[in-house]
N, C-alpha and C. Protein backbone atom coordinates (compact mmCIF):
# COMPACT_ATOMS: atom_id res chain seq x y z
N MET A 1 -19.80 5.38 15.42
CA MET A 1 -19.09 4.92 16.60
C MET A 1 -19.66 5.62 17.84
N ASN A 2 -19.93 4.84 18.89
CA ASN A 2 -20.48 5.43 20.11
C ASN A 2 -19.36 5.78 21.09
N ASP A 3 -19.75 6.41 22.20
CA ASP A 3 -18.77 6.89 23.18
C ASP A 3 -17.99 5.74 23.82
N THR A 4 -18.66 4.60 24.01
CA THR A 4 -17.99 3.45 24.63
C THR A 4 -16.88 2.92 23.73
N GLN A 5 -17.19 2.78 22.44
CA GLN A 5 -16.18 2.31 21.50
C GLN A 5 -15.00 3.27 21.42
N GLN A 6 -15.30 4.56 21.39
CA GLN A 6 -14.24 5.55 21.32
C GLN A 6 -13.33 5.48 22.56
N LYS A 7 -13.95 5.28 23.72
CA LYS A 7 -13.16 5.18 24.95
C LYS A 7 -12.26 3.96 24.91
N GLU A 8 -12.78 2.84 24.40
CA GLU A 8 -11.97 1.62 24.30
C GLU A 8 -10.80 1.81 23.36
N ILE A 9 -11.03 2.51 22.25
CA ILE A 9 -9.95 2.79 21.30
C ILE A 9 -8.87 3.64 21.97
N GLU A 10 -9.29 4.65 22.69
CA GLU A 10 -8.33 5.53 23.36
C GLU A 10 -7.53 4.77 24.42
N GLN A 11 -8.19 3.86 25.13
CA GLN A 11 -7.49 3.06 26.15
C GLN A 11 -6.45 2.15 25.50
N GLU A 12 -6.83 1.52 24.39
CA GLU A 12 -5.87 0.66 23.69
C GLU A 12 -4.71 1.48 23.14
N SER A 13 -5.02 2.68 22.66
CA SER A 13 -3.98 3.54 22.13
C SER A 13 -2.96 3.92 23.20
N VAL A 14 -3.45 4.22 24.40
CA VAL A 14 -2.56 4.55 25.50
C VAL A 14 -1.70 3.35 25.89
N LYS A 15 -2.30 2.17 25.87
CA LYS A 15 -1.61 0.95 26.30
C LYS A 15 -0.55 0.50 25.30
N TYR A 16 -0.92 0.46 24.00
CA TYR A 16 -0.03 -0.12 23.00
C TYR A 16 0.63 0.91 22.08
N ARG A 17 0.10 2.11 22.06
CA ARG A 17 0.63 3.18 21.21
C ARG A 17 0.76 2.75 19.74
N ASP A 18 -0.30 2.09 19.25
CA ASP A 18 -0.25 1.57 17.88
C ASP A 18 -1.49 1.95 17.07
N ILE A 19 -2.22 2.98 17.50
CA ILE A 19 -3.43 3.40 16.81
C ILE A 19 -3.31 4.86 16.37
N ILE A 20 -3.67 5.10 15.12
CA ILE A 20 -3.75 6.46 14.60
C ILE A 20 -5.18 6.65 14.11
N GLN A 21 -5.85 7.66 14.60
CA GLN A 21 -7.27 7.84 14.29
C GLN A 21 -7.50 9.20 13.63
N GLY A 22 -8.19 9.16 12.49
CA GLY A 22 -8.54 10.38 11.79
C GLY A 22 -10.00 10.74 12.00
N ASN A 23 -10.35 11.97 11.67
CA ASN A 23 -11.71 12.46 11.91
C ASN A 23 -12.56 12.28 10.65
N PHE A 24 -12.86 11.04 10.33
CA PHE A 24 -13.75 10.72 9.21
C PHE A 24 -14.31 9.32 9.43
N ILE A 25 -15.40 9.02 8.75
CA ILE A 25 -16.02 7.70 8.88
C ILE A 25 -15.16 6.68 8.14
N ASP A 26 -14.82 5.59 8.81
CA ASP A 26 -13.97 4.55 8.23
C ASP A 26 -14.83 3.62 7.38
N SER A 27 -14.99 3.96 6.12
CA SER A 27 -15.80 3.17 5.20
C SER A 27 -15.03 2.97 3.90
N TYR A 28 -15.51 2.04 3.08
CA TYR A 28 -14.79 1.71 1.85
C TYR A 28 -14.66 2.92 0.93
N ARG A 29 -15.70 3.71 0.83
CA ARG A 29 -15.67 4.88 -0.05
C ARG A 29 -14.93 6.06 0.56
N ASN A 30 -14.43 5.89 1.77
CA ASN A 30 -13.61 6.93 2.39
C ASN A 30 -12.14 6.55 2.47
N LEU A 31 -11.74 5.52 1.74
CA LEU A 31 -10.35 5.09 1.79
C LEU A 31 -9.40 6.17 1.29
N THR A 32 -9.86 7.01 0.39
CA THR A 32 -9.01 8.11 -0.08
C THR A 32 -8.67 9.05 1.07
N TYR A 33 -9.66 9.31 1.96
CA TYR A 33 -9.37 10.13 3.13
C TYR A 33 -8.31 9.46 4.01
N LYS A 34 -8.41 8.16 4.14
CA LYS A 34 -7.42 7.43 4.95
C LYS A 34 -6.03 7.54 4.32
N ARG A 35 -5.97 7.44 2.98
CA ARG A 35 -4.67 7.58 2.29
C ARG A 35 -4.09 8.97 2.52
N VAL A 36 -4.89 10.00 2.34
CA VAL A 36 -4.39 11.36 2.53
C VAL A 36 -3.97 11.58 3.98
N PHE A 37 -4.76 11.06 4.92
CA PHE A 37 -4.42 11.21 6.33
C PHE A 37 -3.11 10.50 6.65
N SER A 38 -2.88 9.34 6.06
CA SER A 38 -1.62 8.62 6.31
C SER A 38 -0.43 9.40 5.76
N LEU A 39 -0.60 10.03 4.60
CA LEU A 39 0.47 10.87 4.05
C LEU A 39 0.76 12.04 4.97
N PHE A 40 -0.30 12.66 5.47
CA PHE A 40 -0.13 13.78 6.42
C PHE A 40 0.61 13.32 7.67
N TRP A 41 0.17 12.18 8.23
CA TRP A 41 0.73 11.73 9.51
C TRP A 41 2.21 11.40 9.38
N VAL A 42 2.56 10.66 8.32
CA VAL A 42 3.98 10.31 8.12
C VAL A 42 4.80 11.56 7.88
N ASN A 43 4.28 12.47 7.05
CA ASN A 43 5.00 13.70 6.75
C ASN A 43 5.19 14.56 8.00
N ARG A 44 4.21 14.52 8.89
CA ARG A 44 4.26 15.37 10.09
C ARG A 44 5.07 14.75 11.21
N PHE A 45 4.94 13.44 11.42
CA PHE A 45 5.52 12.82 12.61
C PHE A 45 6.65 11.84 12.31
N CYS A 46 6.83 11.42 11.06
CA CYS A 46 7.88 10.44 10.74
C CYS A 46 8.73 10.91 9.57
N ASN A 47 8.94 12.21 9.46
CA ASN A 47 9.65 12.71 8.29
C ASN A 47 11.16 12.45 8.32
N ASN A 48 11.63 11.79 9.39
CA ASN A 48 13.05 11.42 9.47
C ASN A 48 13.32 10.00 8.99
N VAL A 49 12.26 9.30 8.54
CA VAL A 49 12.45 7.93 8.06
C VAL A 49 13.01 7.95 6.65
N THR A 50 13.51 6.80 6.20
CA THR A 50 14.03 6.68 4.84
C THR A 50 12.98 6.12 3.90
N PHE A 51 12.32 5.03 4.34
CA PHE A 51 11.28 4.40 3.52
C PHE A 51 10.03 4.15 4.35
N VAL A 52 8.90 4.10 3.65
CA VAL A 52 7.62 3.75 4.25
C VAL A 52 7.00 2.64 3.43
N ILE A 53 6.50 1.61 4.11
CA ILE A 53 5.82 0.51 3.44
C ILE A 53 4.33 0.63 3.71
N LYS A 54 3.54 0.73 2.66
CA LYS A 54 2.09 0.68 2.79
C LYS A 54 1.66 -0.76 2.53
N SER A 55 0.87 -1.32 3.46
CA SER A 55 0.52 -2.73 3.34
C SER A 55 -0.87 -2.99 3.90
N ASP A 56 -1.69 -3.73 3.15
CA ASP A 56 -2.98 -4.18 3.64
C ASP A 56 -2.81 -5.36 4.58
N ASP A 57 -3.89 -5.73 5.28
CA ASP A 57 -3.79 -6.82 6.26
C ASP A 57 -3.74 -8.20 5.62
N ASP A 58 -3.95 -8.30 4.29
CA ASP A 58 -3.83 -9.61 3.64
C ASP A 58 -2.48 -9.78 2.95
N ILE A 59 -1.52 -8.95 3.30
CA ILE A 59 -0.18 -9.01 2.73
C ILE A 59 0.80 -9.57 3.74
N THR A 60 1.62 -10.53 3.31
CA THR A 60 2.75 -11.01 4.11
C THR A 60 4.02 -10.39 3.54
N ILE A 61 4.76 -9.70 4.39
CA ILE A 61 5.98 -9.02 3.94
C ILE A 61 7.18 -9.93 4.16
N ASN A 62 7.96 -10.10 3.14
CA ASN A 62 9.18 -10.91 3.22
C ASN A 62 10.30 -10.05 3.80
N ILE A 63 10.28 -9.87 5.10
CA ILE A 63 11.19 -8.93 5.77
C ILE A 63 12.66 -9.29 5.56
N PRO A 64 13.07 -10.59 5.66
CA PRO A 64 14.49 -10.90 5.44
C PRO A 64 14.98 -10.55 4.04
N PHE A 65 14.08 -10.47 3.07
CA PHE A 65 14.42 -10.07 1.72
C PHE A 65 14.30 -8.56 1.55
N LEU A 66 13.28 -7.98 2.18
CA LEU A 66 13.00 -6.55 2.01
C LEU A 66 14.11 -5.67 2.58
N ILE A 67 14.64 -6.03 3.73
CA ILE A 67 15.64 -5.17 4.39
C ILE A 67 16.90 -5.00 3.53
N PRO A 68 17.53 -6.07 3.06
CA PRO A 68 18.70 -5.85 2.19
C PRO A 68 18.33 -5.22 0.86
N TYR A 69 17.12 -5.50 0.39
CA TYR A 69 16.66 -4.89 -0.87
C TYR A 69 16.61 -3.37 -0.73
N LEU A 70 16.07 -2.88 0.38
CA LEU A 70 15.99 -1.44 0.60
C LEU A 70 17.35 -0.84 0.96
N SER A 71 18.21 -1.64 1.58
CA SER A 71 19.54 -1.14 1.93
C SER A 71 20.33 -0.74 0.69
N ASN A 72 20.05 -1.38 -0.42
CA ASN A 72 20.73 -1.04 -1.67
C ASN A 72 20.18 0.23 -2.32
N LYS A 73 19.14 0.80 -1.71
CA LYS A 73 18.52 2.01 -2.26
C LYS A 73 18.66 3.21 -1.33
N LEU A 74 19.51 3.12 -0.33
CA LEU A 74 19.60 4.16 0.68
C LEU A 74 20.00 5.52 0.12
N ASN A 75 20.74 5.53 -0.96
CA ASN A 75 21.19 6.79 -1.54
C ASN A 75 20.30 7.29 -2.67
N LYS A 76 19.18 6.59 -2.90
CA LYS A 76 18.29 6.98 -3.98
C LYS A 76 17.16 7.87 -3.46
N THR A 77 16.64 8.71 -4.34
CA THR A 77 15.52 9.57 -4.01
C THR A 77 14.34 9.22 -4.91
N LYS A 78 13.17 9.69 -4.51
CA LYS A 78 11.93 9.47 -5.25
C LYS A 78 11.71 8.00 -5.60
N VAL A 79 11.78 7.16 -4.58
CA VAL A 79 11.53 5.73 -4.75
C VAL A 79 10.04 5.46 -4.54
N LEU A 80 9.40 4.94 -5.58
CA LEU A 80 8.01 4.49 -5.48
C LEU A 80 7.89 3.20 -6.27
N GLU A 81 7.70 2.10 -5.54
CA GLU A 81 7.63 0.78 -6.18
C GLU A 81 6.34 0.08 -5.76
N CYS A 82 5.75 -0.63 -6.72
CA CYS A 82 4.46 -1.26 -6.46
C CYS A 82 4.12 -2.19 -7.61
N LEU A 83 2.96 -2.83 -7.50
CA LEU A 83 2.37 -3.55 -8.63
C LEU A 83 1.68 -2.51 -9.49
N TYR A 84 2.20 -2.28 -10.67
CA TYR A 84 1.80 -1.17 -11.53
C TYR A 84 0.74 -1.62 -12.52
N LEU A 85 -0.40 -0.95 -12.51
CA LEU A 85 -1.52 -1.31 -13.38
C LEU A 85 -1.69 -0.25 -14.48
N ILE A 86 -1.82 -0.73 -15.71
CA ILE A 86 -1.91 0.18 -16.86
C ILE A 86 -3.15 -0.16 -17.68
N GLY A 87 -3.85 0.86 -18.15
CA GLY A 87 -4.98 0.68 -19.04
C GLY A 87 -6.23 0.13 -18.38
N ILE A 88 -6.38 0.32 -17.08
CA ILE A 88 -7.56 -0.18 -16.37
C ILE A 88 -8.76 0.72 -16.65
N LYS A 89 -9.89 0.10 -16.96
CA LYS A 89 -11.10 0.85 -17.28
C LYS A 89 -12.02 0.94 -16.06
N PRO A 90 -12.74 2.03 -15.91
CA PRO A 90 -13.71 2.14 -14.80
C PRO A 90 -14.82 1.10 -14.94
N TYR A 91 -15.31 0.63 -13.80
CA TYR A 91 -16.45 -0.28 -13.80
C TYR A 91 -17.73 0.55 -13.88
N ARG A 92 -18.52 0.30 -14.91
CA ARG A 92 -19.71 1.11 -15.14
C ARG A 92 -21.01 0.41 -14.73
N LYS A 93 -20.96 -0.88 -14.40
CA LYS A 93 -22.18 -1.58 -14.01
C LYS A 93 -22.56 -1.19 -12.57
N PRO A 94 -23.80 -0.75 -12.38
CA PRO A 94 -24.22 -0.21 -11.07
C PRO A 94 -24.03 -1.15 -9.90
N ARG A 95 -24.15 -2.45 -10.09
CA ARG A 95 -24.07 -3.38 -8.97
C ARG A 95 -22.63 -3.78 -8.62
N ASN A 96 -21.68 -3.31 -9.39
CA ASN A 96 -20.29 -3.65 -9.13
C ASN A 96 -19.77 -2.88 -7.91
N LYS A 97 -18.92 -3.54 -7.13
CA LYS A 97 -18.34 -2.92 -5.94
C LYS A 97 -17.60 -1.64 -6.26
N TRP A 98 -16.96 -1.60 -7.44
CA TRP A 98 -16.16 -0.45 -7.84
C TRP A 98 -16.88 0.41 -8.88
N HIS A 99 -18.20 0.34 -8.87
CA HIS A 99 -18.98 1.11 -9.84
C HIS A 99 -18.61 2.60 -9.77
N THR A 100 -18.24 3.15 -10.92
CA THR A 100 -17.84 4.54 -11.01
C THR A 100 -18.70 5.23 -12.07
N THR A 101 -19.43 6.24 -11.68
CA THR A 101 -20.31 6.93 -12.62
C THR A 101 -19.50 7.87 -13.51
N LEU A 102 -20.12 8.27 -14.60
CA LEU A 102 -19.47 9.21 -15.51
C LEU A 102 -19.24 10.55 -14.85
N SER A 103 -20.10 10.92 -13.94
CA SER A 103 -19.90 12.19 -13.24
C SER A 103 -18.71 12.11 -12.27
N GLU A 104 -18.46 10.91 -11.74
CA GLU A 104 -17.31 10.74 -10.85
C GLU A 104 -16.01 10.67 -11.61
N TYR A 105 -16.05 10.02 -12.79
CA TYR A 105 -14.85 9.90 -13.61
C TYR A 105 -15.29 9.71 -15.06
N PRO A 106 -15.19 10.72 -15.91
CA PRO A 106 -15.78 10.67 -17.25
C PRO A 106 -14.90 10.03 -18.33
N PHE A 107 -13.67 9.63 -17.99
CA PHE A 107 -12.74 9.16 -19.02
C PHE A 107 -12.79 7.64 -19.19
N ALA A 108 -12.28 7.17 -20.33
CA ALA A 108 -12.40 5.75 -20.68
C ALA A 108 -11.48 4.85 -19.88
N THR A 109 -10.33 5.35 -19.47
CA THR A 109 -9.38 4.56 -18.68
C THR A 109 -8.82 5.42 -17.56
N PHE A 110 -8.33 4.71 -16.52
CA PHE A 110 -7.63 5.40 -15.44
C PHE A 110 -6.18 5.63 -15.84
N PRO A 111 -5.52 6.59 -15.23
CA PRO A 111 -4.08 6.72 -15.45
C PRO A 111 -3.37 5.50 -14.86
N PRO A 112 -2.18 5.18 -15.31
CA PRO A 112 -1.43 4.09 -14.66
C PRO A 112 -1.33 4.35 -13.15
N TYR A 113 -1.53 3.30 -12.36
CA TYR A 113 -1.52 3.51 -10.91
C TYR A 113 -1.03 2.27 -10.18
N CYS A 114 -0.64 2.49 -8.92
CA CYS A 114 -0.19 1.41 -8.04
C CYS A 114 -1.41 0.68 -7.48
N ALA A 115 -1.40 -0.65 -7.57
CA ALA A 115 -2.44 -1.44 -6.91
C ALA A 115 -2.35 -1.20 -5.40
N GLY A 116 -3.49 -1.17 -4.75
CA GLY A 116 -3.57 -0.72 -3.37
C GLY A 116 -2.92 -1.56 -2.29
N PRO A 117 -2.85 -2.91 -2.41
CA PRO A 117 -2.43 -3.71 -1.26
C PRO A 117 -1.06 -3.40 -0.68
N SER A 118 -0.11 -2.94 -1.50
CA SER A 118 1.20 -2.63 -0.93
C SER A 118 1.97 -1.70 -1.85
N SER A 119 2.87 -0.93 -1.25
CA SER A 119 3.78 -0.09 -2.01
C SER A 119 4.96 0.31 -1.14
N ILE A 120 6.06 0.63 -1.80
CA ILE A 120 7.28 1.09 -1.14
C ILE A 120 7.49 2.55 -1.54
N MET A 121 7.66 3.42 -0.55
CA MET A 121 7.83 4.84 -0.83
C MET A 121 8.98 5.41 0.00
N SER A 122 9.80 6.25 -0.63
CA SER A 122 10.80 6.98 0.13
C SER A 122 10.15 8.21 0.76
N ALA A 123 10.81 8.80 1.75
CA ALA A 123 10.22 9.90 2.51
C ALA A 123 9.91 11.10 1.63
N ASP A 124 10.76 11.37 0.64
CA ASP A 124 10.50 12.52 -0.23
C ASP A 124 9.27 12.31 -1.10
N VAL A 125 8.98 11.07 -1.45
CA VAL A 125 7.76 10.75 -2.20
C VAL A 125 6.53 11.03 -1.34
N ILE A 126 6.58 10.64 -0.07
CA ILE A 126 5.48 10.91 0.85
C ILE A 126 5.21 12.42 0.91
N ARG A 127 6.26 13.19 1.06
CA ARG A 127 6.12 14.65 1.17
C ARG A 127 5.52 15.25 -0.11
N GLU A 128 6.03 14.86 -1.25
CA GLU A 128 5.57 15.44 -2.51
C GLU A 128 4.14 15.01 -2.83
N MET A 129 3.77 13.78 -2.53
CA MET A 129 2.41 13.34 -2.79
C MET A 129 1.43 14.02 -1.83
N TYR A 130 1.84 14.23 -0.59
CA TYR A 130 0.95 14.95 0.33
C TYR A 130 0.72 16.38 -0.15
N GLU A 131 1.76 17.03 -0.62
CA GLU A 131 1.61 18.39 -1.15
C GLU A 131 0.69 18.40 -2.37
N ALA A 132 0.71 17.32 -3.15
CA ALA A 132 -0.12 17.25 -4.36
C ALA A 132 -1.60 17.07 -4.04
N THR A 133 -1.93 16.68 -2.81
CA THR A 133 -3.34 16.49 -2.47
C THR A 133 -4.12 17.81 -2.53
N THR A 134 -3.42 18.93 -2.46
CA THR A 134 -4.10 20.22 -2.57
C THR A 134 -4.46 20.53 -4.01
N LEU A 135 -3.91 19.77 -4.96
CA LEU A 135 -4.13 20.04 -6.38
C LEU A 135 -5.06 19.04 -7.05
N VAL A 136 -5.16 17.84 -6.48
CA VAL A 136 -5.92 16.76 -7.11
C VAL A 136 -7.31 16.67 -6.49
N PRO A 137 -8.37 16.84 -7.28
CA PRO A 137 -9.73 16.72 -6.74
C PRO A 137 -9.99 15.33 -6.18
N PHE A 138 -10.88 15.24 -5.21
CA PHE A 138 -11.19 13.98 -4.55
C PHE A 138 -11.77 12.96 -5.52
N ILE A 139 -11.24 11.75 -5.46
CA ILE A 139 -11.81 10.59 -6.15
C ILE A 139 -11.89 9.47 -5.12
N TRP A 140 -13.04 8.85 -4.98
CA TRP A 140 -13.20 7.85 -3.91
C TRP A 140 -12.38 6.59 -4.14
N LEU A 141 -11.93 6.36 -5.37
CA LEU A 141 -11.08 5.20 -5.68
C LEU A 141 -9.66 5.48 -5.18
N GLU A 142 -9.35 4.95 -4.02
CA GLU A 142 -8.10 5.28 -3.34
C GLU A 142 -6.87 4.90 -4.14
N ASP A 143 -6.89 3.74 -4.80
CA ASP A 143 -5.75 3.31 -5.60
C ASP A 143 -5.47 4.32 -6.71
N VAL A 144 -6.53 4.70 -7.40
CA VAL A 144 -6.40 5.62 -8.53
C VAL A 144 -5.91 6.99 -8.05
N TYR A 145 -6.50 7.46 -6.97
CA TYR A 145 -6.14 8.77 -6.44
C TYR A 145 -4.70 8.78 -5.89
N GLY A 146 -4.47 7.91 -4.89
CA GLY A 146 -3.19 7.93 -4.19
C GLY A 146 -2.05 7.26 -4.93
N GLY A 147 -2.38 6.26 -5.75
CA GLY A 147 -1.33 5.53 -6.46
C GLY A 147 -1.19 5.92 -7.91
N GLY A 148 -2.07 6.82 -8.38
CA GLY A 148 -2.04 7.22 -9.78
C GLY A 148 -1.90 8.72 -9.97
N PHE A 149 -2.94 9.46 -9.55
CA PHE A 149 -2.93 10.90 -9.78
C PHE A 149 -1.88 11.63 -8.95
N LEU A 150 -1.70 11.26 -7.70
CA LEU A 150 -0.71 11.96 -6.88
C LEU A 150 0.72 11.79 -7.40
N PRO A 151 1.16 10.55 -7.74
CA PRO A 151 2.49 10.43 -8.35
C PRO A 151 2.59 11.15 -9.69
N TRP A 152 1.52 11.10 -10.47
CA TRP A 152 1.52 11.74 -11.79
C TRP A 152 1.72 13.24 -11.66
N ILE A 153 0.92 13.88 -10.80
CA ILE A 153 1.05 15.32 -10.59
C ILE A 153 2.42 15.67 -10.02
N SER A 154 2.96 14.79 -9.19
CA SER A 154 4.26 15.03 -8.55
C SER A 154 5.43 14.64 -9.45
N ARG A 155 5.14 14.10 -10.62
CA ARG A 155 6.17 13.67 -11.58
C ARG A 155 7.11 12.64 -10.95
N ILE A 156 6.51 11.68 -10.28
CA ILE A 156 7.27 10.61 -9.64
C ILE A 156 7.21 9.37 -10.52
N HIS A 157 8.34 8.83 -10.84
CA HIS A 157 8.42 7.64 -11.68
C HIS A 157 8.12 6.39 -10.85
N ILE A 158 7.17 5.59 -11.30
CA ILE A 158 6.78 4.37 -10.60
C ILE A 158 7.52 3.17 -11.18
N VAL A 159 8.06 2.34 -10.32
CA VAL A 159 8.81 1.14 -10.73
C VAL A 159 8.07 -0.11 -10.25
N HIS A 160 8.00 -1.11 -11.12
CA HIS A 160 7.38 -2.39 -10.78
C HIS A 160 8.44 -3.49 -10.90
N PRO A 161 9.15 -3.82 -9.80
CA PRO A 161 10.17 -4.87 -9.85
C PRO A 161 9.54 -6.23 -10.14
N LYS A 162 10.28 -7.09 -10.84
CA LYS A 162 9.78 -8.43 -11.14
C LYS A 162 9.58 -9.26 -9.88
N CYS A 163 10.33 -8.95 -8.86
CA CYS A 163 10.24 -9.72 -7.61
C CYS A 163 9.24 -9.09 -6.64
N TYR A 164 8.39 -8.21 -7.11
CA TYR A 164 7.60 -7.40 -6.18
C TYR A 164 6.56 -8.21 -5.41
N ARG A 165 5.62 -8.85 -6.11
CA ARG A 165 4.51 -9.50 -5.40
C ARG A 165 4.11 -10.80 -6.07
N LYS A 166 3.60 -11.73 -5.26
CA LYS A 166 3.14 -13.02 -5.78
C LYS A 166 1.95 -13.50 -4.94
N ASP A 167 1.09 -14.30 -5.55
CA ASP A 167 -0.03 -14.88 -4.80
C ASP A 167 0.50 -15.83 -3.74
N LEU A 168 -0.03 -15.73 -2.54
CA LEU A 168 0.46 -16.52 -1.42
C LEU A 168 0.13 -18.00 -1.59
N GLY A 169 -1.09 -18.31 -2.03
CA GLY A 169 -1.52 -19.71 -2.13
C GLY A 169 -0.64 -20.55 -3.01
N ALA A 170 -0.08 -19.95 -4.06
CA ALA A 170 0.76 -20.68 -5.00
C ALA A 170 2.24 -20.65 -4.61
N SER A 171 2.54 -20.10 -3.43
CA SER A 171 3.94 -19.86 -3.07
C SER A 171 4.38 -20.56 -1.79
N LEU A 172 3.49 -21.33 -1.18
CA LEU A 172 3.79 -21.89 0.13
C LEU A 172 4.98 -22.85 0.10
N LYS A 173 5.16 -23.53 -1.02
CA LYS A 173 6.27 -24.49 -1.12
C LYS A 173 7.33 -24.03 -2.11
N ASP A 174 7.24 -22.79 -2.52
CA ASP A 174 8.17 -22.26 -3.51
C ASP A 174 9.27 -21.48 -2.80
N LYS A 175 10.33 -21.14 -3.51
CA LYS A 175 11.37 -20.30 -2.95
C LYS A 175 10.78 -18.91 -2.69
N PRO A 176 10.85 -18.42 -1.47
CA PRO A 176 10.22 -17.13 -1.15
C PRO A 176 11.10 -15.95 -1.54
N CYS A 177 11.16 -15.69 -2.82
CA CYS A 177 12.02 -14.62 -3.33
C CYS A 177 11.22 -13.48 -3.94
N HIS A 178 10.07 -13.18 -3.34
CA HIS A 178 9.31 -11.99 -3.68
C HIS A 178 9.19 -11.12 -2.43
N LEU A 179 9.05 -9.83 -2.63
CA LEU A 179 9.00 -8.91 -1.50
C LEU A 179 7.70 -9.01 -0.71
N PHE A 180 6.59 -9.23 -1.43
CA PHE A 180 5.27 -9.28 -0.80
C PHE A 180 4.49 -10.48 -1.32
N TYR A 181 3.65 -11.03 -0.45
CA TYR A 181 2.75 -12.12 -0.83
C TYR A 181 1.34 -11.75 -0.40
N ILE A 182 0.40 -11.85 -1.35
CA ILE A 182 -0.98 -11.50 -1.06
C ILE A 182 -1.81 -12.76 -0.84
N ASN A 183 -2.59 -12.77 0.22
CA ASN A 183 -3.40 -13.93 0.58
C ASN A 183 -4.62 -13.99 -0.35
N ASP A 184 -4.41 -14.50 -1.55
CA ASP A 184 -5.39 -14.44 -2.62
C ASP A 184 -6.64 -15.25 -2.34
N ILE A 185 -6.55 -16.33 -1.59
CA ILE A 185 -7.75 -17.13 -1.31
C ILE A 185 -8.21 -16.98 0.14
N LYS A 186 -7.65 -16.02 0.84
CA LYS A 186 -8.09 -15.63 2.19
C LYS A 186 -8.07 -16.78 3.18
N ASN A 187 -7.08 -17.65 3.08
CA ASN A 187 -6.93 -18.74 4.03
C ASN A 187 -6.18 -18.21 5.26
N ALA A 188 -6.79 -18.31 6.44
CA ALA A 188 -6.23 -17.70 7.64
C ALA A 188 -4.90 -18.32 8.06
N SER A 189 -4.65 -19.58 7.70
CA SER A 189 -3.41 -20.24 8.12
C SER A 189 -2.25 -19.99 7.16
N HIS A 190 -2.55 -19.54 5.95
CA HIS A 190 -1.50 -19.39 4.94
C HIS A 190 -0.42 -18.36 5.30
N PRO A 191 -0.76 -17.21 5.87
CA PRO A 191 0.31 -16.28 6.24
C PRO A 191 1.33 -16.87 7.20
N TYR A 192 0.85 -17.67 8.17
CA TYR A 192 1.78 -18.31 9.11
C TYR A 192 2.66 -19.32 8.39
N ILE A 193 2.06 -20.13 7.52
CA ILE A 193 2.84 -21.12 6.77
C ILE A 193 3.86 -20.42 5.89
N MET A 194 3.43 -19.32 5.27
CA MET A 194 4.33 -18.57 4.39
C MET A 194 5.50 -17.99 5.18
N TRP A 195 5.20 -17.49 6.36
CA TRP A 195 6.28 -16.92 7.16
C TRP A 195 7.28 -17.99 7.60
N LYS A 196 6.80 -19.18 7.93
CA LYS A 196 7.72 -20.27 8.29
C LYS A 196 8.57 -20.66 7.08
N THR A 197 7.96 -20.64 5.89
CA THR A 197 8.72 -20.93 4.67
C THR A 197 9.82 -19.89 4.47
N ILE A 198 9.48 -18.62 4.66
CA ILE A 198 10.46 -17.54 4.55
C ILE A 198 11.57 -17.72 5.57
N GLU A 199 11.19 -18.01 6.80
CA GLU A 199 12.15 -18.16 7.88
C GLU A 199 13.11 -19.32 7.61
N ASN A 200 12.60 -20.44 7.18
CA ASN A 200 13.45 -21.61 6.93
C ASN A 200 14.35 -21.41 5.73
N TYR A 201 13.83 -20.75 4.70
CA TYR A 201 14.60 -20.58 3.47
C TYR A 201 15.74 -19.59 3.65
N THR A 202 15.47 -18.48 4.30
CA THR A 202 16.46 -17.41 4.37
C THR A 202 17.58 -17.70 5.36
N GLN A 203 17.48 -18.78 6.11
CA GLN A 203 18.59 -19.15 6.99
C GLN A 203 19.80 -19.61 6.19
N ASN A 204 19.55 -20.18 5.03
CA ASN A 204 20.66 -20.76 4.25
C ASN A 204 20.74 -20.26 2.82
N HIS A 205 19.87 -19.36 2.44
CA HIS A 205 19.84 -18.90 1.06
C HIS A 205 19.71 -17.37 1.00
N LEU A 206 20.03 -16.84 -0.14
CA LEU A 206 19.92 -15.40 -0.36
C LEU A 206 19.13 -15.16 -1.64
N CYS A 207 18.05 -14.40 -1.52
CA CYS A 207 17.25 -14.08 -2.68
C CYS A 207 17.84 -12.89 -3.44
N LYS A 208 17.63 -12.88 -4.71
CA LYS A 208 18.03 -11.76 -5.55
C LYS A 208 16.81 -11.33 -6.39
N CYS A 209 16.68 -10.05 -6.55
CA CYS A 209 15.59 -9.52 -7.33
C CYS A 209 16.00 -9.42 -8.79
N LYS A 210 15.45 -10.30 -9.63
CA LYS A 210 15.82 -10.32 -11.04
C LYS A 210 14.72 -9.68 -11.88
């Protein structure tokens, strides 16, 4: 990043107050640094919140469903919910995007972990996972590190609700009773259509997480 780009970022940050910038190169293999930095930032500046939602830019959040869903958990602690992956093996082929060498990770499978696109965390989970970063060696696979090893070391139980996530493309005309929708075919218009579906449905209906 050059000085001009940095100045533009700082100007936008002053204007909209919606940018958080860490001191590392923003690259795919540095996503673990971004995860750790986000845990630090929330723990340092937002430790009075009840829940934190981690979400990628290809996720549509069903806010009218999510708010009452979380309201029923206000008295609970150590809430960590996500799409839970079990028995995933490292990719060993060199040309694969997620190629992981034996020196980087020598074991046959990863620990169970939260898929990266979205997760729900209570504030105490954020604090405990941030503290665990001092104990867990760096792994460039952000999902495995932040969604697997940190909860494991912190002894945090991960929950995968049945209503958690669904592919967006197959849900445009369906009842929007999932918390998150992932834009699986990367169609730019689908998030807007999905949001209108959510808006129209929730005016007269109430979703339940079964």
